[in-house]
Protein backbone atom coordinates (compact mmCIF):
# COMPACT_ATOMS: atom_id res chain seq x y z
CA MET A 1 52.18 142.17 94.62
CA ARG A 2 52.34 140.64 98.09
CA PRO A 3 54.40 137.33 98.53
CA PHE A 4 52.80 134.39 100.13
CA THR A 5 56.19 132.85 101.11
CA LEU A 6 55.02 131.32 104.44
CA ILE A 7 52.29 129.33 102.73
CA ILE A 8 54.47 128.08 99.89
CA SER A 9 57.38 127.18 102.34
CA ILE A 10 54.71 124.81 103.87
CA ILE A 11 53.44 123.49 100.78
CA THR A 12 57.22 122.84 99.79
CA LEU A 13 57.62 120.73 102.86
CA LEU A 14 54.77 118.53 101.83
CA LEU A 15 55.92 118.29 98.27
CA LEU A 16 59.39 117.32 99.36
CA SER A 17 57.89 114.50 101.53
CA SER A 18 55.62 113.43 98.77
CA CYS A 19 57.50 113.87 95.39
CA GLY A 20 60.97 113.06 96.28
CA ASN A 21 62.87 110.22 94.51
CA ASN A 22 62.79 107.87 97.63
CA THR A 23 59.41 106.83 97.76
CA SER A 24 57.52 103.30 98.38
CA PHE A 25 55.38 103.87 95.29
CA GLN A 26 55.85 102.03 92.13
CA LYS A 27 58.01 103.73 89.82
CA ASN A 28 57.24 103.50 86.11
CA ASN A 29 60.37 105.11 84.59
CA GLY A 30 58.24 105.58 81.57
CA LYS A 31 58.07 102.01 80.84
CA GLU A 32 54.80 100.74 79.38
CA THR A 33 52.33 99.28 81.67
CA VAL A 34 49.47 97.31 79.71
CA LEU A 35 46.11 96.68 81.16
CA ALA A 36 43.94 94.61 79.10
CA MET A 37 40.24 93.29 79.91
CA LYS A 38 38.06 91.05 77.81
CA GLN A 39 34.24 91.07 77.87
CA GLU A 40 32.36 87.87 77.25
CA VAL A 41 29.73 88.49 74.47
CA PRO A 42 27.38 86.46 72.30
CA GLU A 43 28.97 84.88 69.37
CA SER A 44 26.41 86.75 67.27
CA PHE A 45 27.43 90.16 68.35
CA VAL A 46 30.48 91.80 66.86
CA SER A 47 32.28 93.78 69.60
CA GLU A 48 35.16 96.23 68.80
CA GLU A 49 38.53 96.61 70.64
CA LEU A 50 39.20 99.78 72.34
CA ASN A 51 42.92 100.86 72.39
CA VAL A 52 43.84 103.71 74.61
CA VAL A 53 47.16 105.41 75.48
CA ALA A 54 47.50 107.22 78.74
CA ALA A 55 50.50 109.35 79.34
CA GLY A 56 51.59 112.15 81.53
CA ASP A 57 52.64 112.45 85.33
CA SER A 58 52.03 110.85 88.70
CA LEU A 59 48.18 110.89 88.18
CA THR A 60 48.58 108.59 85.19
CA GLN A 61 51.31 106.34 87.00
CA GLY A 62 49.14 106.18 90.03
CA VAL A 63 51.09 107.48 92.83
CA GLY A 64 48.93 107.23 96.02
CA ASP A 65 47.08 104.17 94.39
CA SER A 66 46.99 101.41 97.02
CA THR A 67 46.69 98.81 94.46
CA GLY A 68 49.55 99.83 92.53
CA THR A 69 47.86 99.37 89.10
CA GLY A 70 47.89 102.84 87.73
CA GLY A 71 45.62 105.24 89.49
CA TYR A 72 42.39 106.06 87.62
CA VAL A 73 43.36 103.88 84.56
CA PRO A 74 41.83 100.62 85.98
CA TYR A 75 38.62 102.42 87.08
CA LEU A 76 38.24 103.89 83.64
CA GLN A 77 38.90 100.47 82.09
CA LYS A 78 36.24 98.99 83.91
CA LEU A 79 33.91 101.68 82.87
CA PHE A 80 34.78 101.58 79.16
CA GLN A 81 34.29 97.76 79.43
CA GLN A 82 30.65 98.42 80.47
CA GLU A 83 29.96 99.96 77.03
CA GLN A 84 27.93 98.24 74.55
CA GLY A 85 29.81 97.17 71.57
CA ILE A 86 33.15 97.36 73.38
CA GLY A 87 35.15 94.07 73.58
CA THR A 88 38.68 94.09 74.72
CA VAL A 89 40.06 97.18 76.31
CA THR A 90 43.68 97.56 76.14
CA ILE A 91 45.34 100.83 77.93
CA ASN A 92 49.07 101.45 77.63
CA ASN A 93 50.19 103.57 80.60
CA TYR A 94 53.18 105.69 80.08
CA GLY A 95 52.72 107.92 83.03
CA VAL A 96 55.88 109.02 84.90
CA LYS A 97 55.93 110.77 88.36
CA GLY A 98 57.24 114.40 88.24
CA ASN A 99 56.80 114.85 84.34
CA ARG A 100 56.37 118.26 83.19
CA THR A 101 55.17 119.11 79.72
CA ASP A 102 58.74 119.33 78.22
CA GLN A 103 59.43 115.87 79.48
CA LEU A 104 56.14 114.50 78.17
CA LEU A 105 56.97 116.10 74.68
CA LYS A 106 60.14 114.18 74.83
CA LYS A 107 58.56 111.01 75.91
CA ILE A 108 55.99 110.87 73.25
CA LYS A 109 58.65 111.39 70.51
CA SER A 110 60.18 107.89 71.54
CA ALA A 111 59.57 105.24 69.12
CA GLU A 112 57.56 103.02 71.40
CA VAL A 113 55.10 105.70 72.34
CA LYS A 114 54.80 106.88 68.93
CA GLN A 115 53.78 103.36 67.78
CA SER A 116 51.33 103.07 70.76
CA ILE A 117 49.86 106.46 69.83
CA SER A 118 49.44 105.57 66.10
CA ASP A 119 47.28 102.50 67.15
CA ALA A 120 45.19 104.37 69.66
CA ASP A 121 41.60 105.28 69.52
CA MET A 122 42.06 107.55 72.41
CA VAL A 123 44.97 109.35 74.22
CA ILE A 124 44.48 110.63 77.80
CA LEU A 125 46.94 113.16 79.11
CA THR A 126 47.58 114.15 82.76
CA ILE A 127 49.99 117.00 82.65
CA GLY A 128 50.68 120.53 84.06
CA GLY A 129 50.68 120.08 87.77
CA ASN A 130 54.45 119.76 87.90
CA ASP A 131 54.99 122.82 85.62
CA ILE A 132 53.15 124.77 88.29
CA MET A 133 55.34 123.19 91.22
CA LYS A 134 58.56 123.95 89.03
CA VAL A 135 57.76 127.63 89.69
CA VAL A 136 57.23 127.07 93.41
CA ARG A 137 60.43 125.46 93.80
CA ASP A 138 62.41 127.85 91.61
CA HIS A 139 61.18 130.90 93.70
CA ILE A 140 60.69 129.51 97.00
CA SER A 141 62.38 132.27 98.93
CA ASN A 142 59.99 135.10 97.76
CA LEU A 143 57.37 133.62 95.45
CA GLN A 144 55.18 136.25 93.64
CA LEU A 145 52.24 135.43 91.37
CA ASP A 146 54.01 137.11 88.38
CA ASP A 147 56.59 134.51 88.83
CA PHE A 148 54.00 131.92 87.14
CA THR A 149 53.59 133.98 83.89
CA PRO A 150 56.65 132.66 82.14
CA GLN A 151 56.11 129.12 83.01
CA MET A 152 52.60 129.49 81.90
CA LYS A 153 53.69 130.58 78.49
CA THR A 154 56.22 127.75 78.49
CA PHE A 155 53.26 125.31 79.33
CA GLU A 156 51.05 126.52 76.58
CA THR A 157 53.89 126.18 73.96
CA ASN A 158 54.82 122.67 75.18
CA LEU A 159 51.30 121.47 75.27
CA TYR A 160 50.58 122.83 71.78
CA ASN A 161 53.60 120.81 70.66
CA VAL A 162 52.42 117.76 72.47
CA LEU A 163 49.14 117.69 70.82
CA ARG A 164 50.86 118.45 67.37
CA GLU A 165 52.94 115.32 67.66
CA ILE A 166 50.09 113.23 68.74
CA ARG A 167 48.31 114.55 65.56
CA LYS A 168 51.33 113.79 63.41
CA ASP A 169 51.18 110.08 64.56
CA ASN A 170 47.32 109.81 64.57
CA GLN A 171 44.87 112.17 62.91
CA GLN A 172 41.70 110.26 64.18
CA ALA A 173 42.30 109.53 67.83
CA ALA A 174 40.40 111.35 70.63
CA ILE A 175 42.64 113.38 72.69
CA VAL A 176 41.53 113.90 76.50
CA LEU A 177 43.34 116.32 78.56
CA VAL A 178 42.48 116.03 82.43
CA GLY A 179 42.84 119.34 84.12
CA VAL A 180 45.12 120.03 87.19
CA TYR A 181 43.67 120.71 90.91
CA ASN A 182 44.77 122.42 94.10
CA PRO A 183 45.61 119.64 96.67
CA PHE A 184 46.21 122.37 99.27
CA THR A 185 42.48 123.71 99.41
CA LYS A 186 41.54 122.12 102.67
CA TRP A 187 44.73 123.24 104.39
CA PHE A 188 45.02 126.91 103.00
CA ALA A 189 41.38 127.52 102.01
CA ASP A 190 41.92 131.48 102.30
CA VAL A 191 44.84 131.47 99.91
CA ASP A 192 43.03 132.61 96.63
CA GLU A 193 46.21 132.94 94.70
CA MET A 194 46.89 129.22 94.38
CA ASN A 195 43.22 128.56 93.37
CA ASP A 196 43.72 131.30 90.79
CA ILE A 197 46.95 129.82 89.44
CA VAL A 198 45.13 126.43 88.86
CA THR A 199 42.22 128.08 87.37
CA GLU A 200 44.39 129.93 84.75
CA TRP A 201 46.45 126.78 84.16
CA ASN A 202 43.32 124.86 83.26
CA ARG A 203 41.98 127.73 81.06
CA THR A 204 45.15 127.71 79.28
CA GLY A 205 45.10 123.90 78.62
CA GLU A 206 41.58 124.09 77.57
CA ASN A 207 42.08 126.93 75.07
CA ILE A 208 44.79 125.02 73.37
CA LEU A 209 42.60 122.04 72.92
CA THR A 210 40.27 124.15 70.83
CA LEU A 211 43.07 124.36 68.15
CA TYR A 212 42.65 120.74 67.42
CA ASP A 213 39.69 118.65 66.38
CA ASN A 214 38.11 115.64 68.38
CA THR A 215 39.51 116.87 71.69
CA TYR A 216 38.15 117.02 75.22
CA PHE A 217 38.98 118.77 78.37
CA VAL A 218 37.93 116.99 81.75
CA PRO A 219 38.28 119.59 84.78
CA ILE A 220 38.83 117.66 88.08
CA GLU A 221 39.50 120.74 90.33
CA GLN A 222 35.80 120.50 91.65
CA ILE A 223 36.19 116.96 92.78
CA PHE A 224 38.57 117.95 95.41
CA SER A 225 37.42 121.46 96.21
CA ASP A 226 33.70 120.94 96.45
CA THR A 227 33.54 118.02 99.04
CA THR A 228 34.49 117.45 102.88
CA GLU A 229 35.57 113.81 102.01
CA ASN A 230 39.12 112.99 102.32
CA LEU A 231 40.20 112.19 98.76
CA LEU A 232 43.88 112.64 99.02
CA TYR A 233 46.62 109.97 99.93
CA THR A 234 48.52 110.31 103.31
CA ASP A 235 51.15 112.55 101.45
CA TYR A 236 48.18 115.19 101.24
CA PHE A 237 49.12 115.84 97.63
CA HIS A 238 48.20 112.87 95.27
CA PRO A 239 44.80 111.21 95.26
CA ASN A 240 43.75 108.18 97.10
CA ASP A 241 41.75 105.28 95.54
CA LYS A 242 38.67 107.09 95.99
CA GLY A 243 39.94 110.25 94.44
CA TYR A 244 41.41 108.26 91.37
CA LYS A 245 37.85 106.48 91.07
CA LEU A 246 36.20 109.99 90.90
CA ILE A 247 38.86 111.14 88.40
CA ALA A 248 37.96 108.14 86.04
CA ASP A 249 34.37 108.85 86.58
CA GLU A 250 34.74 112.48 85.27
CA ILE A 251 36.95 111.08 82.18
CA TYR A 252 34.12 108.38 81.31
CA THR A 253 31.29 111.07 81.77
CA LYS A 254 33.03 113.53 79.35
CA VAL A 255 33.84 111.15 76.52
CA LYS A 256 31.10 108.32 76.61
CA GLU A 257 28.52 110.54 74.72
CA ASN A 258 30.64 111.66 71.91
CA ALA A 259 34.04 110.14 71.71
CA ILE A 260 33.21 106.55 72.39
CA GLY A 261 30.27 106.75 69.86
CA GLU A 262 32.44 108.08 67.19
CA ILE A 263 35.09 105.62 67.83
CA LEU A 264 32.76 102.49 67.60
CA ALA A 265 31.05 104.00 64.41
CA THR A 266 34.22 104.52 62.72
CA LYS A 267 35.52 100.91 63.57
CA ARG A 268 32.25 99.42 62.47
CA MET A 269 32.47 101.49 58.98
CA ASN A 270 36.10 100.40 58.48
CA ARG A 271 34.98 96.75 59.01
CA GLU A 272 32.39 96.97 56.66
CA ASP A 273 34.63 98.56 54.11
CA ARG A 274 37.03 95.45 54.46
CA GLY A 275 33.90 93.23 53.92
CA GLU A 276 34.20 91.65 57.41
């Protein structure tokens, strides 16, 4: 199988400049960032609180977000707030730049995150991109497509365990997995290998979700590949503000028909059972 070392070398130079430890972006370090928003509603109307956990990598932390408020998270929060029947929306953000699936698995086992997950109505994950880039960095001198196979299997196992841990803490919450995308499409449009890798990674993630109930896969690859608009930050790797907004739109579109309705119905039923 032919190598594509030159392309990957250029990609790595971009990655080193965009994903290094010395950065001007906010660094979450895995600490909780809480966004809460309250909607004014008539006194006669009983609204429900929506609790969301967002966890994963730089897309959740919000690298490239000029506002420093958490990438797609505040946009999604506003969209949720528009839903009839939702009052306060609280999103606990545990995104950490550079996190892979093995690091996310460790993170969600921490006491703080476990408690947040147990209280959550929805858990949203952005993960997988750094698993791909680990292969690139480990085999930069002579990268072959076959080099991705072992890491994909590791990704598959880790993601399964992540979902299992979430279900241990919360059997009811909707689980949303956001897909990965190829940020190099505009620069290397003729390099089909990277697109194939991203497609396989997304297919693997989507297949793992089918093993669990109340799960949703949100593809975002098309956001960046099917447009001439610049949706990347100046590092040419992470989304810019518009890119994050479009990611939030995709998540909202995916969950609003089923997940949100079921969450609200369950909350109302529980409230009625309590005689409230």
